[in-house]
């Protein structure tokens, strides 16, 4: 990021001995914009990236300590899931029928 500032000050802003005051003003504006960019990027890094990295490292730590499994357990475990089916009988009445799904 310092290379950006040095490019702005020495490459973009004209350097002249006659107009040293204008050069000074432009250098001050360039430095203010540069420090604003650095502050914005640091805030963006803190708010977006650091929270994701902290969450990831805490998850890895809990996996390594054995507090959490690496992969989540399947949603259906050893019990049988019961599924309700809506079946229409021949006379037009709705009948609820329970059907057990194999696991």
PDB file of N, CA and C in Angstrom:
ATOM      1  N   UNK A   1       0.820  -1.189   0.000  1.00  0.00           N
ATOM      2  CA  UNK A   1       0.000   0.000   0.000  1.00  0.00           C
ATOM      3  C   UNK A   1       0.868   1.259   0.000  1.00  0.00           C
ATOM      4  N   UNK A   2       2.070   1.140   0.546  1.00  0.00           N
ATOM      5  CA  UNK A   2       2.950   2.312   0.506  1.00  0.00           C
ATOM      6  C   UNK A   2       3.383   2.610  -0.910  1.00  0.00           C
ATOM      7  N   UNK A   3       3.450   1.580  -1.749  1.00  0.00           N
ATOM      8  CA  UNK A   3       3.822   1.820  -3.138  1.00  0.00           C
ATOM      9  C   UNK A   3       2.739   2.633  -3.852  1.00  0.00           C
ATOM     10  N   UNK A   4       1.489   2.445  -3.462  1.00  0.00           N
ATOM     11  CA  UNK A   4       0.418   3.263  -4.026  1.00  0.00           C
ATOM     12  C   UNK A   4       0.594   4.725  -3.629  1.00  0.00           C
ATOM     13  N   UNK A   5       0.909   4.949  -2.367  1.00  0.00           N
ATOM     14  CA  UNK A   5       1.139   6.320  -1.916  1.00  0.00           C
ATOM     15  C   UNK A   5       2.343   6.942  -2.604  1.00  0.00           C
ATOM     16  N   UNK A   6       3.430   6.198  -2.729  1.00  0.00           N
ATOM     17  CA  UNK A   6       4.611   6.760  -3.391  1.00  0.00           C
ATOM     18  C   UNK A   6       4.346   7.007  -4.875  1.00  0.00           C
ATOM     19  N   UNK A   7       3.540   6.166  -5.516  1.00  0.00           N
ATOM     20  CA  UNK A   7       3.195   6.398  -6.917  1.00  0.00           C
ATOM     21  C   UNK A   7       2.359   7.671  -7.051  1.00  0.00           C
ATOM     22  N   UNK A   8       1.411   7.880  -6.123  1.00  0.00           N
ATOM     23  CA  UNK A   8       0.580   9.088  -6.178  1.00  0.00           C
ATOM     24  C   UNK A   8       1.434  10.331  -5.951  1.00  0.00           C
ATOM     25  N   UNK A   9       2.311  10.295  -4.961  1.00  0.00           N
ATOM     26  CA  UNK A   9       3.088  11.496  -4.616  1.00  0.00           C
ATOM     27  C   UNK A   9       4.168  11.783  -5.656  1.00  0.00           C
ATOM     28  N   UNK A  10       4.887  10.770  -6.100  1.00  0.00           N
ATOM     29  CA  UNK A  10       6.015  11.025  -6.996  1.00  0.00           C
ATOM     30  C   UNK A  10       5.687  10.828  -8.467  1.00  0.00           C
ATOM     31  N   UNK A  11       4.634  10.092  -8.787  1.00  0.00           N
ATOM     32  CA  UNK A  11       4.325   9.836 -10.187  1.00  0.00           C
ATOM     33  C   UNK A  11       3.138  10.612 -10.704  1.00  0.00           C
ATOM     34  N   UNK A  12       2.131  10.777  -9.891  1.00  0.00           N
ATOM     35  CA  UNK A  12       0.901  11.407 -10.347  1.00  0.00           C
ATOM     36  C   UNK A  12       0.907  12.919 -10.109  1.00  0.00           C
ATOM     37  N   UNK A  13       1.394  13.340  -8.970  1.00  0.00           N
ATOM     38  CA  UNK A  13       1.410  14.758  -8.629  1.00  0.00           C
ATOM     39  C   UNK A  13       2.684  15.383  -9.195  1.00  0.00           C
ATOM     40  N   UNK A  14       2.552  16.430  -9.984  1.00  0.00           N
ATOM     41  CA  UNK A  14       3.758  17.052 -10.555  1.00  0.00           C
ATOM     42  C   UNK A  14       4.604  17.715  -9.468  1.00  0.00           C
ATOM     43  N   UNK A  15       5.902  17.523  -9.545  1.00  0.00           N
ATOM     44  CA  UNK A  15       6.844  18.105  -8.587  1.00  0.00           C
ATOM     45  C   UNK A  15       7.508  19.314  -9.242  1.00  0.00           C
ATOM     46  N   UNK A  16       7.356  20.470  -8.638  1.00  0.00           N
ATOM     47  CA  UNK A  16       8.022  21.661  -9.161  1.00  0.00           C
ATOM     48  C   UNK A  16       8.441  22.545  -8.000  1.00  0.00           C
ATOM     49  N   UNK A  17       9.569  23.222  -8.183  1.00  0.00           N
ATOM     50  CA  UNK A  17      10.084  24.099  -7.137  1.00  0.00           C
ATOM     51  C   UNK A  17       9.346  25.426  -7.109  1.00  0.00           C
ATOM     52  N   UNK A  18       8.810  25.842  -8.260  1.00  0.00           N
ATOM     53  CA  UNK A  18       8.118  27.125  -8.317  1.00  0.00           C
ATOM     54  C   UNK A  18       6.766  27.074  -7.600  1.00  0.00           C
ATOM     55  N   UNK A  19       6.087  25.979  -7.765  1.00  0.00           N
ATOM     56  CA  UNK A  19       4.737  25.854  -7.180  1.00  0.00           C
ATOM     57  C   UNK A  19       4.779  24.869  -6.010  1.00  0.00           C
ATOM     58  N   UNK A  20       5.602  25.108  -5.061  1.00  0.00           N
ATOM     59  CA  UNK A  20       5.755  24.186  -3.947  1.00  0.00           C
ATOM     60  C   UNK A  20       4.508  24.144  -3.079  1.00  0.00           C
ATOM     61  N   UNK A  21       3.754  25.242  -3.017  1.00  0.00           N
ATOM     62  CA  UNK A  21       2.549  25.264  -2.184  1.00  0.00           C
ATOM     63  C   UNK A  21       1.459  24.370  -2.766  1.00  0.00           C
ATOM     64  N   UNK A  22       1.280  24.418  -4.079  1.00  0.00           N
ATOM     65  CA  UNK A  22       0.273  23.562  -4.735  1.00  0.00           C
ATOM     66  C   UNK A  22       0.686  22.086  -4.607  1.00  0.00           C
ATOM     67  N   UNK A  23       1.978  21.822  -4.759  1.00  0.00           N
ATOM     68  CA  UNK A  23       2.465  20.457  -4.587  1.00  0.00           C
ATOM     69  C   UNK A  23       2.223  19.973  -3.160  1.00  0.00           C
ATOM     70  N   UNK A  24       2.442  20.847  -2.193  1.00  0.00           N
ATOM     71  CA  UNK A  24       2.203  20.507  -0.789  1.00  0.00           C
ATOM     72  C   UNK A  24       0.728  20.195  -0.543  1.00  0.00           C
ATOM     73  N   UNK A  25      -0.168  21.003  -1.118  1.00  0.00           N
ATOM     74  CA  UNK A  25      -1.614  20.777  -0.967  1.00  0.00           C
ATOM     75  C   UNK A  25      -2.012  19.439  -1.589  1.00  0.00           C
ATOM     76  N   UNK A  26      -1.506  19.170  -2.806  1.00  0.00           N
ATOM     77  CA  UNK A  26      -1.837  17.905  -3.463  1.00  0.00           C
ATOM     78  C   UNK A  26      -1.277  16.705  -2.699  1.00  0.00           C
ATOM     79  N   UNK A  27      -0.073  16.849  -2.158  1.00  0.00           N
ATOM     80  CA  UNK A  27       0.500  15.762  -1.350  1.00  0.00           C
ATOM     81  C   UNK A  27      -0.340  15.506  -0.106  1.00  0.00           C
ATOM     82  N   UNK A  28      -0.819  16.578   0.531  1.00  0.00           N
ATOM     83  CA  UNK A  28      -1.653  16.424   1.722  1.00  0.00           C
ATOM     84  C   UNK A  28      -2.977  15.753   1.378  1.00  0.00           C
ATOM     85  N   UNK A  29      -3.593  16.152   0.276  1.00  0.00           N
ATOM     86  CA  UNK A  29      -4.849  15.521  -0.159  1.00  0.00           C
ATOM     87  C   UNK A  29      -4.602  14.056  -0.511  1.00  0.00           C
ATOM     88  N   UNK A  30      -3.519  13.766  -1.218  1.00  0.00           N
ATOM     89  CA  UNK A  30      -3.187  12.382  -1.573  1.00  0.00           C
ATOM     90  C   UNK A  30      -2.963  11.516  -0.351  1.00  0.00           C
ATOM     91  N   UNK A  31      -2.241  12.071   0.649  1.00  0.00           N
ATOM     92  CA  UNK A  31      -2.000  11.313   1.877  1.00  0.00           C
ATOM     93  C   UNK A  31      -3.303  11.082   2.638  1.00  0.00           C
ATOM     94  N   UNK A  32      -4.191  12.079   2.686  1.00  0.00           N
ATOM     95  CA  UNK A  32      -5.489  11.922   3.356  1.00  0.00           C
ATOM     96  C   UNK A  32      -6.351  10.859   2.690  1.00  0.00           C
ATOM     97  N   UNK A  33      -6.359  10.858   1.349  1.00  0.00           N
ATOM     98  CA  UNK A  33      -7.121   9.825   0.632  1.00  0.00           C
ATOM     99  C   UNK A  33      -6.508   8.447   0.849  1.00  0.00           C
ATOM    100  N   UNK A  34      -5.181   8.380   0.882  1.00  0.00           N
ATOM    101  CA  UNK A  34      -4.513   7.104   1.095  1.00  0.00           C
ATOM    102  C   UNK A  34      -4.820   6.548   2.483  1.00  0.00           C
ATOM    103  N   UNK A  35      -4.753   7.393   3.514  1.00  0.00           N
ATOM    104  CA  UNK A  35      -5.027   6.919   4.875  1.00  0.00           C
ATOM    105  C   UNK A  35      -6.501   6.542   5.020  1.00  0.00           C
ATOM    106  N   UNK A  36      -7.381   7.229   4.295  1.00  0.00           N
ATOM    107  CA  UNK A  36      -8.799   6.855   4.298  1.00  0.00           C
ATOM    108  C   UNK A  36      -9.003   5.483   3.657  1.00  0.00           C
ATOM    109  N   UNK A  37      -8.293   5.223   2.570  1.00  0.00           N
ATOM    110  CA  UNK A  37      -8.373   3.911   1.917  1.00  0.00           C
ATOM    111  C   UNK A  37      -7.851   2.814   2.832  1.00  0.00           C
ATOM    112  N   UNK A  38      -6.738   3.064   3.512  1.00  0.00           N
ATOM    113  CA  UNK A  38      -6.179   2.076   4.436  1.00  0.00           C
ATOM    114  C   UNK A  38      -7.161   1.787   5.575  1.00  0.00           C
ATOM    115  N   UNK A  39      -7.777   2.830   6.122  1.00  0.00           N
ATOM    116  CA  UNK A  39      -8.740   2.650   7.215  1.00  0.00           C
ATOM    117  C   UNK A  39      -9.955   1.870   6.740  1.00  0.00           C
ATOM    118  N   UNK A  40     -10.449   2.173   5.548  1.00  0.00           N
ATOM    119  CA  UNK A  40     -11.599   1.465   4.997  1.00  0.00           C
ATOM    120  C   UNK A  40     -11.282  -0.016   4.781  1.00  0.00           C
ATOM    121  N   UNK A  41     -10.117  -0.300   4.201  1.00  0.00           N
ATOM    122  CA  UNK A  41      -9.752  -1.696   3.952  1.00  0.00           C
ATOM    123  C   UNK A  41      -9.519  -2.464   5.247  1.00  0.00           C
ATOM    124  N   UNK A  42      -8.953  -1.803   6.263  1.00  0.00           N
ATOM    125  CA  UNK A  42      -8.751  -2.467   7.552  1.00  0.00           C
ATOM    126  C   UNK A  42     -10.085  -2.781   8.218  1.00  0.00           C
ATOM    127  N   UNK A  43     -11.028  -1.859   8.125  1.00  0.00           N
ATOM    128  CA  UNK A  43     -12.359  -2.092   8.694  1.00  0.00           C
ATOM    129  C   UNK A  43     -13.076  -3.213   7.950  1.00  0.00           C
ATOM    130  N   UNK A  44     -12.961  -3.204   6.643  1.00  0.00           N
ATOM    131  CA  UNK A  44     -13.566  -4.262   5.831  1.00  0.00           C
ATOM    132  C   UNK A  44     -12.959  -5.620   6.184  1.00  0.00           C
ATOM    133  N   UNK A  45     -11.658  -5.665   6.344  1.00  0.00           N
ATOM    134  CA  UNK A  45     -10.964  -6.900   6.727  1.00  0.00           C
ATOM    135  C   UNK A  45     -11.457  -7.378   8.084  1.00  0.00           C
ATOM    136  N   UNK A  46     -11.545  -6.456   9.055  1.00  0.00           N
ATOM    137  CA  UNK A  46     -11.966  -6.815  10.409  1.00  0.00           C
ATOM    138  C   UNK A  46     -13.399  -7.329  10.424  1.00  0.00           C
ATOM    139  N   UNK A  47     -14.287  -6.679   9.704  1.00  0.00           N
ATOM    140  CA  UNK A  47     -15.701  -7.030   9.768  1.00  0.00           C
ATOM    141  C   UNK A  47     -16.043  -8.267   8.947  1.00  0.00           C
ATOM    142  N   UNK A  48     -15.430  -8.442   7.807  1.00  0.00           N
ATOM    143  CA  UNK A  48     -15.808  -9.536   6.911  1.00  0.00           C
ATOM    144  C   UNK A  48     -14.912 -10.761   7.035  1.00  0.00           C
ATOM    145  N   UNK A  49     -13.630 -10.552   6.941  1.00  0.00           N
ATOM    146  CA  UNK A  49     -12.731 -11.688   6.849  1.00  0.00           C
ATOM    147  C   UNK A  49     -12.369 -12.271   8.207  1.00  0.00           C
ATOM    148  N   UNK A  50     -12.102 -11.426   9.177  1.00  0.00           N
ATOM    149  CA  UNK A  50     -11.705 -11.924  10.494  1.00  0.00           C
ATOM    150  C   UNK A  50     -12.779 -12.769  11.150  1.00  0.00           C
ATOM    151  N   UNK A  51     -14.048 -12.386  11.009  1.00  0.00           N
ATOM    152  CA  UNK A  51     -15.111 -13.170  11.632  1.00  0.00           C
ATOM    153  C   UNK A  51     -15.203 -14.562  11.012  1.00  0.00           C
ATOM    154  N   UNK A  52     -15.023 -14.649   9.706  1.00  0.00           N
ATOM    155  CA  UNK A  52     -15.064 -15.961   9.053  1.00  0.00           C
ATOM    156  C   UNK A  52     -13.867 -16.820   9.463  1.00  0.00           C
ATOM    157  N   UNK A  53     -12.705 -16.212   9.565  1.00  0.00           N
ATOM    158  CA  UNK A  53     -11.506 -16.958   9.960  1.00  0.00           C
ATOM    159  C   UNK A  53     -11.610 -17.409  11.416  1.00  0.00           C
ATOM    160  N   UNK A  54     -12.131 -16.561  12.283  1.00  0.00           N
ATOM    161  CA  UNK A  54     -12.299 -16.929  13.696  1.00  0.00           C
ATOM    162  C   UNK A  54     -13.276 -18.086  13.827  1.00  0.00           C
ATOM    163  N   UNK A  55     -14.387 -18.039  13.093  1.00  0.00           N
ATOM    164  CA  UNK A  55     -15.359 -19.136  13.135  1.00  0.00           C
ATOM    165  C   UNK A  55     -14.719 -20.433  12.661  1.00  0.00           C
ATOM    166  N   UNK A  56     -13.956 -20.359  11.586  1.00  0.00           N
ATOM    167  CA  UNK A  56     -13.321 -21.555  11.023  1.00  0.00           C
ATOM    168  C   UNK A  56     -12.294 -22.142  11.993  1.00  0.00           C
ATOM    169  N   UNK A  57     -11.475 -21.303  12.603  1.00  0.00           N
ATOM    170  CA  UNK A  57     -10.471 -21.823  13.529  1.00  0.00           C
ATOM    171  C   UNK A  57     -11.102 -22.389  14.796  1.00  0.00           C
ATOM    172  N   UNK A  58     -12.190 -21.781  15.268  1.00  0.00           N
ATOM    173  CA  UNK A  58     -12.873 -22.343  16.436  1.00  0.00           C
ATOM    174  C   UNK A  58     -13.485 -23.697  16.110  1.00  0.00           C
ATOM    175  N   UNK A  59     -14.043 -23.846  14.912  1.00  0.00           N
ATOM    176  CA  UNK A  59     -14.611 -25.128  14.504  1.00  0.00           C
ATOM    177  C   UNK A  59     -13.520 -26.193  14.413  1.00  0.00           C
ATOM    178  N   UNK A  60     -12.379 -25.831  13.823  1.00  0.00           N
ATOM    179  CA  UNK A  60     -11.278 -26.792  13.703  1.00  0.00           C
ATOM    180  C   UNK A  60     -10.749 -27.169  15.090  1.00  0.00           C
ATOM    181  N   UNK A  61     -10.675 -26.202  15.996  1.00  0.00           N
ATOM    182  CA  UNK A  61     -10.222 -26.494  17.359  1.00  0.00           C
ATOM    183  C   UNK A  61     -11.172 -27.455  18.065  1.00  0.00           C
ATOM    184  N   UNK A  62     -12.490 -27.240  17.914  1.00  0.00           N
ATOM    185  CA  UNK A  62     -13.460 -28.137  18.544  1.00  0.00           C
ATOM    186  C   UNK A  62     -13.414 -29.530  17.940  1.00  0.00           C
ATOM    187  N   UNK A  63     -13.157 -29.634  16.641  1.00  0.00           N
ATOM    188  CA  UNK A  63     -13.017 -30.945  16.009  1.00  0.00           C
ATOM    189  C   UNK A  63     -11.772 -31.650  16.531  1.00  0.00           C
ATOM    190  N   UNK A  64     -10.662 -30.916  16.640  1.00  0.00           N
ATOM    191  CA  UNK A  64      -9.416 -31.529  17.112  1.00  0.00           C
ATOM    192  C   UNK A  64      -9.496 -31.937  18.584  1.00  0.00           C
ATOM    193  N   UNK A  65     -10.277 -31.214  19.392  1.00  0.00           N
ATOM    194  CA  UNK A  65     -10.442 -31.579  20.795  1.00  0.00           C
ATOM    195  C   UNK A  65     -11.498 -32.658  21.002  1.00  0.00           C
ATOM    196  N   UNK A  66     -12.220 -33.013  19.945  1.00  0.00           N
ATOM    197  CA  UNK A  66     -13.227 -34.054  20.033  1.00  0.00           C
ATOM    198  C   UNK A  66     -14.579 -33.568  20.524  1.00  0.00           C
ATOM    199  N   UNK A  67     -14.785 -32.261  20.561  1.00  0.00           N
ATOM    200  CA  UNK A  67     -16.078 -31.733  21.014  1.00  0.00           C
ATOM    201  C   UNK A  67     -17.130 -31.774  19.917  1.00  0.00           C
ATOM    202  N   UNK A  68     -16.701 -31.723  18.664  1.00  0.00           N
ATOM    203  CA  UNK A  68     -17.618 -31.775  17.532  1.00  0.00           C
ATOM    204  C   UNK A  68     -17.104 -32.783  16.518  1.00  0.00           C
ATOM    205  N   UNK A  69     -18.019 -33.423  15.783  1.00  0.00           N
ATOM    206  CA  UNK A  69     -17.553 -34.310  14.714  1.00  0.00           C
ATOM    207  C   UNK A  69     -17.127 -33.489  13.498  1.00  0.00           C
ATOM    208  N   UNK A  70     -16.278 -34.068  12.680  1.00  0.00           N
ATOM    209  CA  UNK A  70     -15.822 -33.378  11.490  1.00  0.00           C
ATOM    210  C   UNK A  70     -16.965 -33.169  10.510  1.00  0.00           C
ATOM    211  N   UNK A  71     -17.741 -34.206  10.304  1.00  0.00           N
ATOM    212  CA  UNK A  71     -18.917 -34.123   9.429  1.00  0.00           C
ATOM    213  C   UNK A  71     -20.163 -34.276  10.291  1.00  0.00           C
ATOM    214  N   UNK A  72     -21.230 -33.554   9.965  1.00  0.00           N
ATOM    215  CA  UNK A  72     -22.446 -33.685  10.778  1.00  0.00           C
ATOM    216  C   UNK A  72     -23.072 -35.070  10.623  1.00  0.00           C
ATOM    217  N   UNK A  73     -23.763 -35.510  11.663  1.00  0.00           N
ATOM    218  CA  UNK A  73     -24.431 -36.809  11.643  1.00  0.00           C
ATOM    219  C   UNK A  73     -25.612 -36.758  10.679  1.00  0.00           C
ATOM    220  N   UNK A  74     -25.973 -37.892  10.103  1.00  0.00           N
ATOM    221  CA  UNK A  74     -27.149 -37.892   9.214  1.00  0.00           C
ATOM    222  C   UNK A  74     -28.408 -37.524   9.986  1.00  0.00           C
ATOM    223  N   UNK A  75     -29.381 -36.962   9.288  1.00  0.00           N
ATOM    224  CA  UNK A  75     -30.579 -36.465   9.964  1.00  0.00           C
ATOM    225  C   UNK A  75     -31.460 -37.595  10.490  1.00  0.00           C
ATOM    226  N   UNK A  76     -31.462 -38.747   9.830  1.00  0.00           N
ATOM    227  CA  UNK A  76     -32.260 -39.885  10.286  1.00  0.00           C
ATOM    228  C   UNK A  76     -31.299 -40.886  10.908  1.00  0.00           C
ATOM    229  N   UNK A  77     -31.474 -41.158  12.196  1.00  0.00           N
ATOM    230  CA  UNK A  77     -30.574 -42.108  12.848  1.00  0.00           C
ATOM    231  C   UNK A  77     -31.246 -43.471  12.937  1.00  0.00           C
ATOM    232  N   UNK A  78     -31.134 -44.175  14.034  1.00  0.00           N
ATOM    233  CA  UNK A  78     -31.546 -45.570  14.119  1.00  0.00           C
ATOM    234  C   UNK A  78     -33.049 -45.774  14.250  1.00  0.00           C
ATOM    235  N   UNK A  79     -33.841 -44.729  14.445  1.00  0.00           N
ATOM    236  CA  UNK A  79     -35.285 -44.927  14.552  1.00  0.00           C
ATOM    237  C   UNK A  79     -35.920 -44.851  13.171  1.00  0.00           C
ATOM    238  N   UNK A  80     -37.126 -45.403  13.052  1.00  0.00           N
ATOM    239  CA  UNK A  80     -37.818 -45.406  11.769  1.00  0.00           C
ATOM    240  C   UNK A  80     -38.609 -44.116  11.607  1.00  0.00           C
ATOM    241  N   UNK A  81     -38.509 -43.551  10.449  1.00  0.00           N
ATOM    242  CA  UNK A  81     -39.249 -42.323  10.167  1.00  0.00           C
ATOM    243  C   UNK A  81     -40.676 -42.689   9.771  1.00  0.00           C
ATOM    244  N   UNK A  82     -41.603 -41.919  10.275  1.00  0.00           N
ATOM    245  CA  UNK A  82     -43.007 -42.152   9.962  1.00  0.00           C
ATOM    246  C   UNK A  82     -43.457 -41.049   9.022  1.00  0.00           C
ATOM    247  N   UNK A  83     -44.064 -41.446   7.935  1.00  0.00           N
ATOM    248  CA  UNK A  83     -44.484 -40.510   6.913  1.00  0.00           C
ATOM    249  C   UNK A  83     -46.002 -40.603   6.754  1.00  0.00           C
ATOM    250  N   UNK A  84     -46.668 -39.453   6.784  1.00  0.00           N
ATOM    251  CA  UNK A  84     -48.123 -39.419   6.587  1.00  0.00           C
ATOM    252  C   UNK A  84     -48.430 -39.254   5.107  1.00  0.00           C
ATOM    253  N   UNK A  85     -49.290 -40.126   4.618  1.00  0.00           N
ATOM    254  CA  UNK A  85     -49.729 -40.032   3.234  1.00  0.00           C
ATOM    255  C   UNK A  85     -51.201 -39.663   3.206  1.00  0.00           C
ATOM    256  N   UNK A  86     -51.555 -38.816   2.297  1.00  0.00           N
ATOM    257  CA  UNK A  86     -52.961 -38.453   2.111  1.00  0.00           C
ATOM    258  C   UNK A  86     -53.486 -39.343   0.982  1.00  0.00           C
ATOM    259  N   UNK A  87     -54.396 -40.224   1.325  1.00  0.00           N
ATOM    260  CA  UNK A  87     -54.937 -41.166   0.350  1.00  0.00           C
ATOM    261  C   UNK A  87     -56.423 -40.901   0.203  1.00  0.00           C
ATOM    262  N   UNK A  88     -56.872 -40.808  -1.021  1.00  0.00           N
ATOM    263  CA  UNK A  88     -58.297 -40.624  -1.266  1.00  0.00           C
ATOM    264  C   UNK A  88     -58.904 -41.996  -1.551  1.00  0.00           C
ATOM    265  N   UNK A  89     -59.947 -42.322  -0.787  1.00  0.00           N
ATOM    266  CA  UNK A  89     -60.591 -43.626  -0.980  1.00  0.00           C
ATOM    267  C   UNK A  89     -61.566 -43.548  -2.150  1.00  0.00           C
ATOM    268  N   UNK A  90     -62.191 -44.672  -2.444  1.00  0.00           N
ATOM    269  CA  UNK A  90     -63.084 -44.766  -3.600  1.00  0.00           C
ATOM    270  C   UNK A  90     -64.342 -43.929  -3.421  1.00  0.00           C
ATOM    271  N   UNK A  91     -64.812 -43.721  -2.172  1.00  0.00           N
ATOM    272  CA  UNK A  91     -66.042 -42.968  -1.982  1.00  0.00           C
ATOM    273  C   UNK A  91     -65.791 -41.460  -1.837  1.00  0.00           C
ATOM    274  N   UNK A  92     -64.548 -40.995  -2.009  1.00  0.00           N
ATOM    275  CA  UNK A  92     -64.256 -39.577  -2.004  1.00  0.00           C
ATOM    276  C   UNK A  92     -63.826 -39.010  -0.676  1.00  0.00           C
ATOM    277  N   UNK A  93     -63.767 -39.817   0.390  1.00  0.00           N
ATOM    278  CA  UNK A  93     -63.345 -39.336   1.701  1.00  0.00           C
ATOM    279  C   UNK A  93     -61.823 -39.445   1.816  1.00  0.00           C
ATOM    280  N   UNK A  94     -61.230 -38.436   2.468  1.00  0.00           N
ATOM    281  CA  UNK A  94     -59.784 -38.459   2.679  1.00  0.00           C
ATOM    282  C   UNK A  94     -59.461 -39.301   3.903  1.00  0.00           C
ATOM    283  N   UNK A  95     -58.498 -40.169   3.757  1.00  0.00           N
ATOM    284  CA  UNK A  95     -58.072 -41.042   4.840  1.00  0.00           C
ATOM    285  C   UNK A  95     -56.574 -40.843   5.023  1.00  0.00           C
ATOM    286  N   UNK A  96     -56.147 -40.616   6.270  1.00  0.00           N
ATOM    287  CA  UNK A  96     -54.712 -40.501   6.557  1.00  0.00           C
ATOM    288  C   UNK A  96     -54.177 -41.890   6.833  1.00  0.00           C
ATOM    289  N   UNK A  97     -53.096 -42.191   6.174  1.00  0.00           N
ATOM    290  CA  UNK A  97     -52.484 -43.494   6.338  1.00  0.00           C
ATOM    291  C   UNK A  97     -51.042 -43.277   6.737  1.00  0.00           C
ATOM    292  N   UNK A  98     -50.576 -44.002   7.726  1.00  0.00           N
ATOM    293  CA  UNK A  98     -49.189 -43.877   8.180  1.00  0.00           C
ATOM    294  C   UNK A  98     -48.371 -44.997   7.539  1.00  0.00           C
ATOM    295  N   UNK A  99     -47.254 -44.588   7.016  1.00  0.00           N
ATOM    296  CA  UNK A  99     -46.386 -45.555   6.379  1.00  0.00           C
ATOM    297  C   UNK A  99     -44.993 -45.393   6.948  1.00  0.00           C
ATOM    298  N   UNK A 100     -44.381 -46.484   7.382  1.00  0.00           N
ATOM    299  CA  UNK A 100     -43.040 -46.415   7.932  1.00  0.00           C
ATOM    300  C   UNK A 100     -42.041 -46.541   6.794  1.00  0.00           C
ATOM    301  N   UNK A 101     -41.089 -45.624   6.801  1.00  0.00           N
ATOM    302  CA  UNK A 101     -40.050 -45.663   5.776  1.00  0.00           C
ATOM    303  C   UNK A 101     -38.864 -46.442   6.310  1.00  0.00           C
ATOM    304  N   UNK A 102     -38.253 -47.253   5.467  1.00  0.00           N
ATOM    305  CA  UNK A 102     -37.082 -48.005   5.927  1.00  0.00           C
ATOM    306  C   UNK A 102     -35.908 -47.056   6.138  1.00  0.00           C
ATOM    307  N   UNK A 103     -35.070 -47.445   7.075  1.00  0.00           N
ATOM    308  CA  UNK A 103     -33.908 -46.615   7.390  1.00  0.00           C
ATOM    309  C   UNK A 103     -32.685 -47.214   6.783  1.00  0.00           C
TER     310      UNK A 103
END
